[in-house]
Amino acid sequence: MSGTFVGMPVFPPPTHPAFPKAAHEAVNNPTLRGNLRHATHTIRAKRARAVAEVSDWAALREAGKRIKDHTLRHLDRYLVQLEKSVTAAGGTVHWAADAEEANRIVADLVRATGETEVVKVKSMATQEIGLNEALEAEGIRAYETDLAELIVQLGHDRPSHILVPAIHRNRGEIRDIFRREMGAWGRPAPEGLTDTPAELAEAARLHLREKFLRAKVGVSGANFMVAETGTLVVVESEGNGRMCLTLPETLISVVGIEKIVPSWQDLEVFLQTLPRSSTAERMNPYTSMWTGTTDGDGPSTFHLVLLDNGRTDTLADEVGRQALRCIRCSACLNVCPVYERAGGHAYGSVYPGPIGAILSPQLRGTQSEIDASLPYASSLCGACYEVCPVAIDIPEVLVHLRERVVEGGETVRGGNKVVLKPAKGHAAERAAMRAARWAFTHPAALRTGQRLASRTRRVHPRTLPGPGRAWSGTRDLPAVPAEPFRDWWQRTDGGRSGAK
């Protein structure tokens, strides 16, 4: 391994463009669109069949929503309970306010072991904070072990889907990546490797097996944390999680504070809804659970890093907080017509698609160009809400965040103060809304304007100038009628009856 190991590129890059520009580039890539269309349609159809088998799906969905809402309302109490339970079971709990603190904690813990390599699994939270890059800066190499994450890492790429991070790659591209890169990262790809799934999976298994057997430190995330016992839960489909969670001597789990559930009874609900909504399976193939440490069984040292990184600020928003219910099933991505065409990279976040469009701007704020544009990355069709297993009303939150962007409201991290700043790129929209408000409160001016618009209708442009092209570039403006409604009303029965 050379000293240029960088793990995955940081996401978003410092110069990531706003969503419209990034999406425009993505939709002009026919290979990407073909990969996305095939994958999302396949997963969508399988999920629909799996959900249809459950007669009480609506009740499970409502139960999941209520459990999450209850937990978020009492998050402080359950987090304290979780800390006590983990500590009593032999683990150590660390609290990280932001990405920088979380990265520092993990790097210090790895350095304390004397090791310079870690294996990783179920690590969206670590991608969120850029852990791979932080560890590299400390001379520590991080190896992704999920098959799709491995493909992304070997390809010097970024994840584009919550469940299937390499959804934008086809089999031929994966074969080429394995042939080209595996040798520089460890065991090389077998000679004559083809693009058949079985051969690709076997190449990955052989490549990863030596890392599993050698690694002394594992880094994981978690799907759920059970407050009453301090148990962490990882669900996955390949078995790599079981290897990462049991073979290393030290296990470090970085988990967002919203992943907590109060009890095992509550966990039961999500172990029914998550597999069907994500992989369309009745039961998850590998469900790993661990509680602290046990002599002679699994890692001898366990650390839990509880990550905030904007979550408590999101919790303070009565409308936006429902995004914290998310169990990362990715069902919303697979039904979204925008995601299907633009792909995940256009969102500039490890959380792409509809959920990313509402979660990322709340975790990161809306100051950047990409985050200010994400609430507009939707047609508001509502398909995402219909499939969400915890009933997150994504369209409602999107509209709420659009209002925040236009008004320029910014929540100061770590406090309750709201500061209003000018919203870049929305001056014309605000001016138009003010003009409309004035016209609707002055009937005479409105009537005059309507008549003028009707009489000049033949010379009206079919598209808007300037910033308006973003809306009218793909649709014609509505045609102005030959006669305003008020004039029509006056010369018909309504007018003769004395109505104004």
Protein backbone atom coordinates (compact mmCIF):
# COMPACT_ATOMS: atom_id res chain seq x y z
CA MET A 1 0.00 0.00 0.00
CA SER A 2 1.34 3.38 -0.95
CA GLY A 3 1.29 6.42 1.25
CA THR A 4 -1.30 8.06 -0.98
CA PHE A 5 -4.23 6.10 0.45
CA VAL A 6 -7.14 8.51 0.84
CA GLY A 7 -10.13 6.27 1.46
CA MET A 8 -13.25 7.87 -0.03
CA PRO A 9 -13.21 11.46 -1.31
CA VAL A 10 -14.76 13.90 1.15
CA PHE A 11 -18.43 14.59 0.48
CA PRO A 12 -19.40 17.20 -0.48
CA PRO A 13 -16.26 18.53 -2.12
CA PRO A 14 -15.60 22.19 -1.24
CA THR A 15 -16.66 23.28 -4.74
CA HIS A 16 -19.71 21.04 -5.18
CA PRO A 17 -22.23 22.90 -7.38
CA ALA A 18 -25.88 23.52 -6.56
CA PHE A 19 -28.23 20.62 -7.26
CA PRO A 20 -29.66 21.95 -10.57
CA LYS A 21 -26.23 22.17 -12.16
CA ALA A 22 -25.02 18.84 -10.79
CA ALA A 23 -28.27 17.13 -11.83
CA HIS A 24 -28.06 18.63 -15.32
CA GLU A 25 -24.67 16.97 -15.81
CA ALA A 26 -25.92 13.66 -14.40
CA VAL A 27 -29.01 13.36 -16.61
CA ASN A 28 -26.81 13.74 -19.69
CA ASN A 29 -24.93 10.55 -18.77
CA PRO A 30 -26.85 7.72 -20.51
CA THR A 31 -24.89 4.94 -18.76
CA LEU A 32 -25.65 6.39 -15.34
CA ARG A 33 -29.34 6.82 -16.14
CA GLY A 34 -29.56 3.26 -17.44
CA ASN A 35 -27.89 1.84 -14.32
CA LEU A 36 -30.18 3.84 -12.04
CA ARG A 37 -33.37 3.03 -13.91
CA HIS A 38 -32.71 -0.70 -13.92
CA ALA A 39 -31.68 -0.86 -10.25
CA THR A 40 -34.38 1.39 -8.77
CA HIS A 41 -37.20 -0.25 -10.74
CA THR A 42 -36.04 -3.71 -9.68
CA ILE A 43 -35.77 -2.81 -5.99
CA ARG A 44 -39.06 -0.90 -6.10
CA ALA A 45 -41.00 -3.84 -7.53
CA LYS A 46 -39.50 -6.32 -5.05
CA ARG A 47 -40.28 -4.04 -2.12
CA ALA A 48 -43.90 -3.63 -3.19
CA ARG A 49 -44.37 -7.40 -3.26
CA ALA A 50 -42.69 -7.86 0.15
CA VAL A 51 -44.81 -5.17 1.80
CA ALA A 52 -48.03 -6.51 0.25
CA GLU A 53 -47.49 -9.79 2.14
CA VAL A 54 -47.96 -8.03 5.50
CA SER A 55 -51.61 -7.48 6.35
CA ASP A 56 -50.85 -5.04 9.19
CA TRP A 57 -48.24 -2.95 7.35
CA ALA A 58 -50.13 0.29 8.01
CA ALA A 59 -50.24 -0.49 11.74
CA LEU A 60 -46.50 -1.29 11.79
CA ARG A 61 -45.79 1.98 9.98
CA GLU A 62 -47.79 3.95 12.51
CA ALA A 63 -46.15 2.10 15.39
CA GLY A 64 -42.69 2.94 14.03
CA LYS A 65 -43.64 6.59 13.70
CA ARG A 66 -44.95 6.78 17.26
CA ILE A 67 -41.95 4.99 18.74
CA LYS A 68 -39.57 7.36 16.99
CA ASP A 69 -41.54 10.46 17.95
CA HIS A 70 -41.75 9.37 21.58
CA THR A 71 -38.02 8.66 21.68
CA LEU A 72 -37.13 12.01 20.14
CA ARG A 73 -39.34 13.85 22.65
CA HIS A 74 -37.50 12.15 25.50
CA LEU A 75 -34.10 11.79 23.83
CA ASP A 76 -32.16 13.24 26.74
CA ARG A 77 -33.55 10.64 29.14
CA TYR A 78 -32.96 7.69 26.83
CA LEU A 79 -29.41 8.75 25.97
CA VAL A 80 -28.51 8.88 29.66
CA GLN A 81 -30.10 5.46 30.12
CA LEU A 82 -28.13 4.12 27.17
CA GLU A 83 -24.85 5.44 28.56
CA LYS A 84 -25.49 3.76 31.92
CA SER A 85 -26.40 0.46 30.23
CA VAL A 86 -23.35 0.43 27.94
CA THR A 87 -21.02 1.33 30.82
CA ALA A 88 -22.51 -1.36 33.06
CA ALA A 89 -21.91 -3.92 30.30
CA GLY A 90 -18.20 -3.05 30.07
CA GLY A 91 -18.23 -0.50 27.26
CA THR A 92 -17.08 3.12 27.24
CA VAL A 93 -19.25 5.96 25.94
CA HIS A 94 -17.89 9.12 24.31
CA TRP A 95 -19.94 12.18 23.36
CA ALA A 96 -19.11 14.07 20.16
CA ALA A 97 -20.72 17.44 19.48
CA ASP A 98 -19.54 17.62 15.88
CA ALA A 99 -17.52 15.87 13.19
CA GLU A 100 -14.20 17.27 14.33
CA GLU A 101 -14.64 16.00 17.87
CA ALA A 102 -15.85 12.58 16.71
CA ASN A 103 -12.89 12.17 14.37
CA ARG A 104 -10.46 13.19 17.11
CA ILE A 105 -11.97 10.68 19.55
CA VAL A 106 -11.77 7.79 17.08
CA ALA A 107 -8.23 8.65 15.97
CA ASP A 108 -7.07 8.83 19.59
CA LEU A 109 -8.68 5.47 20.37
CA VAL A 110 -7.03 3.78 17.38
CA ARG A 111 -3.63 5.31 18.15
CA ALA A 112 -3.91 4.05 21.72
CA THR A 113 -4.03 0.47 20.39
CA GLY A 114 -0.81 0.97 18.44
CA GLU A 115 -2.51 -0.16 15.22
CA THR A 116 -2.41 1.62 11.86
CA GLU A 117 -5.29 -0.18 10.11
CA VAL A 118 -9.02 -0.52 10.75
CA VAL A 119 -11.81 -2.41 9.03
CA LYS A 120 -15.17 -0.66 8.72
CA VAL A 121 -18.80 -1.68 8.36
CA LYS A 122 -22.18 0.08 8.33
CA SER A 123 -20.53 3.44 8.36
CA MET A 124 -22.78 6.18 6.93
CA ALA A 125 -22.18 8.27 10.03
CA THR A 126 -18.43 7.98 9.53
CA GLN A 127 -18.85 9.06 5.91
CA GLU A 128 -20.89 12.02 7.15
CA ILE A 129 -18.00 13.20 9.33
CA GLY A 130 -15.19 12.30 6.90
CA LEU A 131 -13.58 9.78 9.24
CA ASN A 132 -11.51 8.06 6.55
CA GLU A 133 -9.77 11.30 5.67
CA ALA A 134 -9.24 12.18 9.34
CA LEU A 135 -7.69 8.79 10.04
CA GLU A 136 -5.47 9.06 6.97
CA ALA A 137 -4.16 12.37 8.30
CA GLU A 138 -3.11 10.44 11.42
CA GLY A 139 -1.40 7.68 9.42
CA ILE A 140 -4.25 5.17 9.86
CA ARG A 141 -5.69 3.24 6.92
CA ALA A 142 -9.43 2.53 6.86
CA TYR A 143 -10.77 -0.34 4.74
CA GLU A 144 -14.43 -0.50 3.75
CA THR A 145 -15.76 -4.08 3.84
CA ASP A 146 -19.31 -3.82 2.51
CA LEU A 147 -19.15 -5.00 -1.12
CA ALA A 148 -20.68 -1.83 -2.55
CA GLU A 149 -18.60 0.39 -0.27
CA LEU A 150 -15.52 -1.57 -1.35
CA ILE A 151 -16.37 -0.88 -5.00
CA VAL A 152 -16.77 2.82 -4.23
CA GLN A 153 -13.51 2.98 -2.27
CA LEU A 154 -11.47 1.08 -4.86
CA GLY A 155 -12.91 3.32 -7.57
CA HIS A 156 -11.89 6.51 -5.69
CA ASP A 157 -15.59 7.30 -5.91
CA ARG A 158 -18.40 8.40 -3.61
CA PRO A 159 -21.55 6.54 -2.49
CA SER A 160 -24.67 7.39 -4.48
CA HIS A 161 -27.35 5.42 -2.62
CA ILE A 162 -28.10 4.71 1.03
CA LEU A 163 -28.62 0.97 0.60
CA VAL A 164 -26.63 0.29 -2.58
CA PRO A 165 -23.76 2.80 -2.57
CA ALA A 166 -22.45 1.60 -5.95
CA ILE A 167 -25.84 1.62 -7.69
CA HIS A 168 -24.40 3.91 -10.36
CA ARG A 169 -21.93 1.21 -11.45
CA ASN A 170 -22.70 -1.75 -13.71
CA ARG A 171 -20.98 -5.14 -13.66
CA GLY A 172 -18.51 -4.27 -16.39
CA GLU A 173 -17.39 -1.16 -14.57
CA ILE A 174 -17.00 -3.11 -11.32
CA ARG A 175 -14.88 -5.76 -13.06
CA ASP A 176 -12.60 -3.07 -14.47
CA ILE A 177 -12.24 -1.42 -11.05
CA PHE A 178 -11.33 -4.73 -9.40
CA ARG A 179 -8.77 -5.57 -12.08
CA ARG A 180 -7.20 -2.12 -11.94
CA GLU A 181 -7.21 -1.34 -8.21
CA MET A 182 -7.32 -4.42 -6.02
CA GLY A 183 -3.62 -5.14 -6.28
CA ALA A 184 -2.72 -1.69 -4.95
CA TRP A 185 -5.02 -2.13 -1.93
CA GLY A 186 -4.20 -5.73 -1.00
CA ARG A 187 -4.83 -9.08 -2.64
CA PRO A 188 -5.18 -8.55 -6.42
CA ALA A 189 -8.14 -9.67 -8.49
CA PRO A 190 -7.93 -13.20 -9.92
CA GLU A 191 -6.54 -13.59 -13.42
CA GLY A 192 -9.21 -13.56 -16.11
CA LEU A 193 -11.87 -12.04 -13.82
CA THR A 194 -15.19 -11.66 -15.67
CA ASP A 195 -18.24 -9.56 -14.87
CA THR A 196 -20.39 -12.45 -13.63
CA PRO A 197 -21.78 -11.69 -10.14
CA ALA A 198 -20.41 -14.89 -8.62
CA GLU A 199 -16.86 -14.17 -9.78
CA LEU A 200 -17.00 -10.54 -8.65
CA ALA A 201 -18.29 -11.58 -5.21
CA GLU A 202 -15.58 -14.24 -4.88
CA ALA A 203 -12.87 -11.71 -5.81
CA ALA A 204 -14.15 -9.37 -3.12
CA ARG A 205 -14.36 -12.20 -0.56
CA LEU A 206 -10.75 -13.24 -1.13
CA HIS A 207 -9.57 -9.63 -1.07
CA LEU A 208 -11.36 -8.85 2.20
CA ARG A 209 -10.70 -12.11 4.03
CA GLU A 210 -7.04 -11.28 4.69
CA LYS A 211 -8.07 -7.89 6.09
CA PHE A 212 -10.65 -9.43 8.43
CA LEU A 213 -8.12 -11.93 9.79
CA ARG A 214 -5.40 -9.31 10.22
CA ALA A 215 -7.29 -6.34 11.64
CA LYS A 216 -7.10 -5.64 15.37
CA VAL A 217 -9.49 -2.67 15.31
CA GLY A 218 -12.98 -2.51 13.83
CA VAL A 219 -15.07 0.62 13.25
CA SER A 220 -18.82 0.34 12.82
CA GLY A 221 -22.00 2.27 12.83
CA ALA A 222 -25.32 0.85 14.02
CA ASN A 223 -28.89 0.68 12.80
CA PHE A 224 -30.32 0.80 16.32
CA MET A 225 -29.28 1.20 19.97
CA VAL A 226 -31.49 -0.25 22.72
CA ALA A 227 -31.50 2.04 25.74
CA GLU A 228 -32.69 -0.47 28.33
CA THR A 229 -29.78 -2.90 27.79
CA GLY A 230 -27.11 -0.88 25.95
CA THR A 231 -27.34 -3.26 22.99
CA LEU A 232 -26.27 -2.13 19.52
CA VAL A 233 -27.76 -3.67 16.39
CA VAL A 234 -26.39 -3.95 12.86
CA VAL A 235 -28.44 -5.47 10.04
CA GLU A 236 -26.68 -6.43 6.80
CA SER A 237 -26.84 -8.93 3.98
CA GLU A 238 -23.29 -10.12 3.33
CA GLY A 239 -21.72 -11.28 6.60
CA ASN A 240 -18.95 -8.71 6.49
CA GLY A 241 -20.53 -7.00 9.47
CA ARG A 242 -20.32 -10.19 11.52
CA MET A 243 -16.60 -10.41 10.69
CA CYS A 244 -15.91 -6.78 11.64
CA LEU A 245 -17.91 -6.97 14.84
CA THR A 246 -16.47 -10.21 16.23
CA LEU A 247 -12.86 -10.69 15.05
CA PRO A 248 -11.08 -7.43 16.07
CA GLU A 249 -9.81 -6.96 19.61
CA THR A 250 -11.15 -3.39 19.76
CA LEU A 251 -14.50 -2.22 18.38
CA ILE A 252 -15.37 1.47 17.98
CA SER A 253 -18.96 2.30 16.99
CA VAL A 254 -19.86 5.79 15.76
CA VAL A 255 -23.62 6.27 15.90
CA GLY A 256 -25.96 9.23 15.53
CA ILE A 257 -27.90 9.99 18.69
CA GLU A 258 -31.23 9.57 16.88
CA LYS A 259 -30.65 5.81 16.33
CA ILE A 260 -31.82 4.97 19.84
CA VAL A 261 -34.98 2.99 20.72
CA PRO A 262 -36.22 2.56 24.29
CA SER A 263 -36.69 -1.23 24.48
CA TRP A 264 -36.41 -4.61 22.75
CA GLN A 265 -40.15 -4.57 22.20
CA ASP A 266 -39.75 -1.35 20.20
CA LEU A 267 -36.89 -2.88 18.22
CA GLU A 268 -39.20 -5.67 17.08
CA VAL A 269 -41.23 -3.23 14.97
CA PHE A 270 -38.22 -2.00 13.00
CA LEU A 271 -36.81 -5.48 12.45
CA GLN A 272 -40.04 -6.16 10.55
CA THR A 273 -40.26 -2.94 8.55
CA LEU A 274 -36.60 -2.27 7.71
CA PRO A 275 -35.80 -5.48 5.76
CA ARG A 276 -38.95 -5.27 3.65
CA SER A 277 -38.51 -1.57 2.91
CA SER A 278 -34.81 -1.81 2.08
CA THR A 279 -33.83 -5.15 0.54
CA ALA A 280 -37.40 -6.48 0.13
CA GLU A 281 -36.59 -9.44 2.38
CA ARG A 282 -38.93 -10.90 4.97
CA MET A 283 -36.08 -11.19 7.44
CA ASN A 284 -32.61 -9.73 7.37
CA PRO A 285 -29.90 -12.33 6.56
CA TYR A 286 -27.45 -11.08 9.22
CA THR A 287 -28.67 -9.33 12.35
CA SER A 288 -25.75 -8.78 14.76
CA MET A 289 -26.29 -7.56 18.31
CA TRP A 290 -23.71 -6.84 20.98
CA THR A 291 -23.88 -5.53 24.52
CA GLY A 292 -20.63 -4.23 25.94
CA THR A 293 -17.89 -6.85 26.23
CA THR A 294 -17.75 -10.50 27.30
CA ASP A 295 -14.60 -12.41 28.25
CA GLY A 296 -13.56 -14.80 25.50
CA ASP A 297 -16.31 -13.71 23.10
CA GLY A 298 -15.83 -10.92 20.59
CA PRO A 299 -13.81 -7.72 21.07
CA SER A 300 -12.28 -7.25 24.51
CA THR A 301 -12.67 -3.45 24.30
CA PHE A 302 -15.77 -1.58 23.11
CA HIS A 303 -16.18 2.17 22.60
CA LEU A 304 -19.42 3.92 21.62
CA VAL A 305 -19.12 7.42 20.13
CA LEU A 306 -22.49 9.18 20.25
CA LEU A 307 -22.61 11.73 17.43
CA ASP A 308 -24.63 14.95 17.45
CA ASN A 309 -23.31 16.94 14.46
CA GLY A 310 -26.43 19.06 14.01
CA ARG A 311 -29.01 16.58 15.27
CA THR A 312 -30.06 18.52 18.38
CA ASP A 313 -30.54 21.63 16.22
CA THR A 314 -32.72 19.57 13.88
CA LEU A 315 -34.64 18.29 16.89
CA ALA A 316 -35.49 21.89 17.83
CA ASP A 317 -37.41 22.35 14.56
CA GLU A 318 -40.98 21.14 15.12
CA VAL A 319 -41.54 20.44 11.41
CA GLY A 320 -38.07 19.36 10.34
CA ARG A 321 -37.39 17.03 13.29
CA GLN A 322 -39.38 14.21 11.70
CA ALA A 323 -36.38 13.62 9.42
CA LEU A 324 -34.67 12.12 12.49
CA ARG A 325 -37.15 9.23 12.38
CA CYS A 326 -35.33 7.89 9.32
CA ILE A 327 -34.15 4.27 9.60
CA ARG A 328 -32.06 4.51 6.39
CA CYS A 329 -34.11 2.01 4.38
CA SER A 330 -33.74 3.98 1.10
CA ALA A 331 -37.30 3.27 -0.06
CA CYS A 332 -37.79 6.97 -0.81
CA LEU A 333 -34.84 6.98 -3.23
CA ASN A 334 -36.17 4.05 -5.22
CA VAL A 335 -39.53 5.71 -5.97
CA CYS A 336 -38.27 9.26 -6.52
CA PRO A 337 -38.42 10.38 -10.17
CA VAL A 338 -35.76 13.01 -9.49
CA TYR A 339 -33.28 10.60 -7.92
CA GLU A 340 -33.87 8.02 -10.65
CA ARG A 341 -32.68 10.49 -13.26
CA ALA A 342 -30.07 12.53 -11.39
CA GLY A 343 -28.46 9.87 -9.18
CA GLY A 344 -27.00 10.34 -5.73
CA HIS A 345 -23.85 12.34 -6.44
CA ALA A 346 -25.87 15.39 -7.51
CA TYR A 347 -27.11 15.80 -3.91
CA GLY A 348 -23.59 16.47 -2.60
CA SER A 349 -24.26 14.41 0.52
CA VAL A 350 -23.84 10.91 1.91
CA TYR A 351 -27.62 11.09 2.33
CA PRO A 352 -28.95 11.43 -1.22
CA GLY A 353 -32.48 11.38 -2.57
CA PRO A 354 -35.58 12.75 -0.82
CA ILE A 355 -34.35 12.03 2.71
CA GLY A 356 -31.03 13.70 1.95
CA ALA A 357 -32.85 16.73 0.57
CA ILE A 358 -34.38 17.34 4.00
CA LEU A 359 -31.74 15.88 6.33
CA SER A 360 -28.52 17.37 4.94
CA PRO A 361 -29.70 21.03 4.96
CA GLN A 362 -30.72 20.61 8.60
CA LEU A 363 -27.52 18.90 9.73
CA ARG A 364 -25.24 21.25 7.77
CA GLY A 365 -27.33 24.43 7.53
CA THR A 366 -28.36 26.17 4.32
CA GLN A 367 -25.44 28.58 3.93
CA SER A 368 -23.74 26.67 1.10
CA GLU A 369 -24.94 26.66 -2.49
CA ILE A 370 -25.61 22.92 -2.50
CA ASP A 371 -27.52 22.87 0.80
CA ALA A 372 -29.66 25.86 -0.15
CA SER A 373 -30.64 24.09 -3.37
CA LEU A 374 -31.49 20.66 -1.91
CA PRO A 375 -35.04 21.52 -0.70
CA TYR A 376 -35.84 22.26 -4.35
CA ALA A 377 -34.57 18.87 -5.57
CA SER A 378 -38.09 17.45 -5.70
CA SER A 379 -41.29 17.53 -7.70
CA LEU A 380 -43.31 17.24 -4.45
CA CYS A 381 -45.15 14.24 -5.94
CA GLY A 382 -45.39 12.61 -2.49
CA ALA A 383 -44.25 9.13 -3.53
CA CYS A 384 -41.51 9.26 -0.88
CA TYR A 385 -44.04 9.82 1.90
CA GLU A 386 -46.21 6.94 0.70
CA VAL A 387 -43.39 4.38 0.97
CA CYS A 388 -41.66 5.66 4.12
CA PRO A 389 -41.93 2.97 6.84
CA VAL A 390 -41.92 5.61 9.59
CA ALA A 391 -44.25 8.06 7.79
CA ILE A 392 -41.86 10.99 7.36
CA ASP A 393 -43.81 13.66 5.46
CA ILE A 394 -40.90 14.61 3.24
CA PRO A 395 -42.90 17.00 1.00
CA GLU A 396 -44.02 18.95 4.08
CA VAL A 397 -40.43 19.31 5.29
CA LEU A 398 -39.23 20.28 1.80
CA VAL A 399 -41.71 23.15 1.64
CA HIS A 400 -40.77 24.16 5.18
CA LEU A 401 -37.08 24.27 4.27
CA ARG A 402 -37.80 26.20 1.08
CA GLU A 403 -39.42 28.84 3.24
CA ARG A 404 -36.33 28.91 5.43
CA VAL A 405 -34.05 29.34 2.41
CA VAL A 406 -36.13 32.14 0.91
CA GLU A 407 -36.44 33.99 4.21
CA GLY A 408 -32.76 33.45 4.93
CA GLY A 409 -33.37 31.93 8.37
CA GLU A 410 -30.30 30.23 9.84
CA THR A 411 -30.23 28.44 13.19
CA VAL A 412 -26.99 29.12 15.02
CA ARG A 413 -25.43 25.73 15.89
CA GLY A 414 -25.41 25.02 19.56
CA GLY A 415 -27.97 27.67 20.42
CA ASN A 416 -31.60 28.67 19.99
CA LYS A 417 -31.09 32.03 18.31
CA VAL A 418 -32.40 32.42 14.76
CA VAL A 419 -30.56 34.90 12.57
CA LEU A 420 -32.07 36.23 9.34
CA LYS A 421 -29.64 36.63 6.48
CA PRO A 422 -30.27 37.57 2.86
CA ALA A 423 -31.02 34.41 0.87
CA LYS A 424 -28.77 34.31 -2.17
CA GLY A 425 -30.47 33.65 -5.48
CA HIS A 426 -34.00 34.40 -4.27
CA ALA A 427 -34.15 38.20 -4.56
CA ALA A 428 -36.26 38.03 -7.72
CA GLU A 429 -38.67 35.58 -6.12
CA ARG A 430 -39.11 37.75 -3.05
CA ALA A 431 -39.65 40.83 -5.24
CA ALA A 432 -42.28 38.97 -7.28
CA MET A 433 -44.13 37.86 -4.16
CA ARG A 434 -44.13 41.40 -2.76
CA ALA A 435 -45.48 42.73 -6.06
CA ALA A 436 -48.22 40.07 -6.07
CA ARG A 437 -49.17 40.94 -2.48
CA TRP A 438 -49.48 44.61 -3.40
CA ALA A 439 -51.57 43.85 -6.52
CA PHE A 440 -53.98 41.58 -4.68
CA THR A 441 -54.59 44.26 -2.04
CA HIS A 442 -55.31 46.94 -4.70
CA PRO A 443 -58.25 45.67 -6.84
CA ALA A 444 -58.19 48.57 -9.30
CA ALA A 445 -54.54 48.03 -10.11
CA LEU A 446 -55.12 44.27 -10.43
CA ARG A 447 -58.00 44.85 -12.87
CA THR A 448 -55.92 47.21 -14.98
CA GLY A 449 -53.03 44.77 -15.05
CA GLN A 450 -55.25 41.87 -16.11
CA ARG A 451 -56.72 43.88 -18.99
CA LEU A 452 -53.28 45.00 -20.12
CA ALA A 453 -52.02 41.41 -20.01
CA SER A 454 -54.93 40.19 -22.14
CA ARG A 455 -54.53 42.91 -24.77
CA THR A 456 -50.80 42.26 -25.15
CA ARG A 457 -51.04 38.47 -25.03
CA ARG A 458 -49.81 37.99 -28.61
CA VAL A 459 -46.39 39.41 -27.79
CA HIS A 460 -45.84 37.57 -24.52
CA PRO A 461 -42.68 35.38 -24.40
CA ARG A 462 -43.10 31.62 -23.96
CA THR A 463 -40.29 31.46 -21.39
CA LEU A 464 -39.19 33.69 -18.55
CA PRO A 465 -36.00 35.73 -18.72
CA GLY A 466 -33.09 35.64 -16.27
CA PRO A 467 -33.54 33.45 -13.16
CA GLY A 468 -37.02 32.47 -14.39
CA ARG A 469 -35.45 30.16 -16.96
CA ALA A 470 -34.89 27.61 -14.21
CA TRP A 471 -38.69 27.11 -14.15
CA SER A 472 -39.72 27.85 -17.73
CA GLY A 473 -36.75 26.22 -19.45
CA THR A 474 -38.63 22.91 -19.61
CA ARG A 475 -42.25 24.14 -19.78
CA ASP A 476 -44.26 26.84 -21.54
CA LEU A 477 -45.79 29.69 -19.60
CA PRO A 478 -49.59 29.40 -19.20
CA ALA A 479 -51.38 31.27 -21.98
CA VAL A 480 -53.14 34.48 -20.92
CA PRO A 481 -56.89 34.36 -21.78
CA ALA A 482 -58.26 36.77 -24.37
CA GLU A 483 -60.56 38.27 -21.74
CA PRO A 484 -59.98 38.70 -17.99
CA PHE A 485 -62.34 36.83 -15.72
CA ARG A 486 -63.66 40.08 -14.21
CA ASP A 487 -64.67 41.41 -17.64
CA TRP A 488 -66.28 38.10 -18.56
CA TRP A 489 -68.19 38.09 -15.31
CA GLN A 490 -69.45 41.64 -15.87
CA ARG A 491 -70.89 40.92 -19.31
CA THR A 492 -72.52 37.63 -18.33
CA ASP A 493 -75.25 36.74 -15.91
CA GLY A 494 -73.07 37.51 -12.93
CA GLY A 495 -72.61 41.09 -14.07
CA ARG A 496 -76.31 41.68 -14.88
CA SER A 497 -77.30 40.43 -11.42
CA GLY A 498 -75.30 43.25 -9.85
CA ALA A 499 -72.25 41.26 -8.72
CA LYS A 500 -68.92 43.09 -8.66
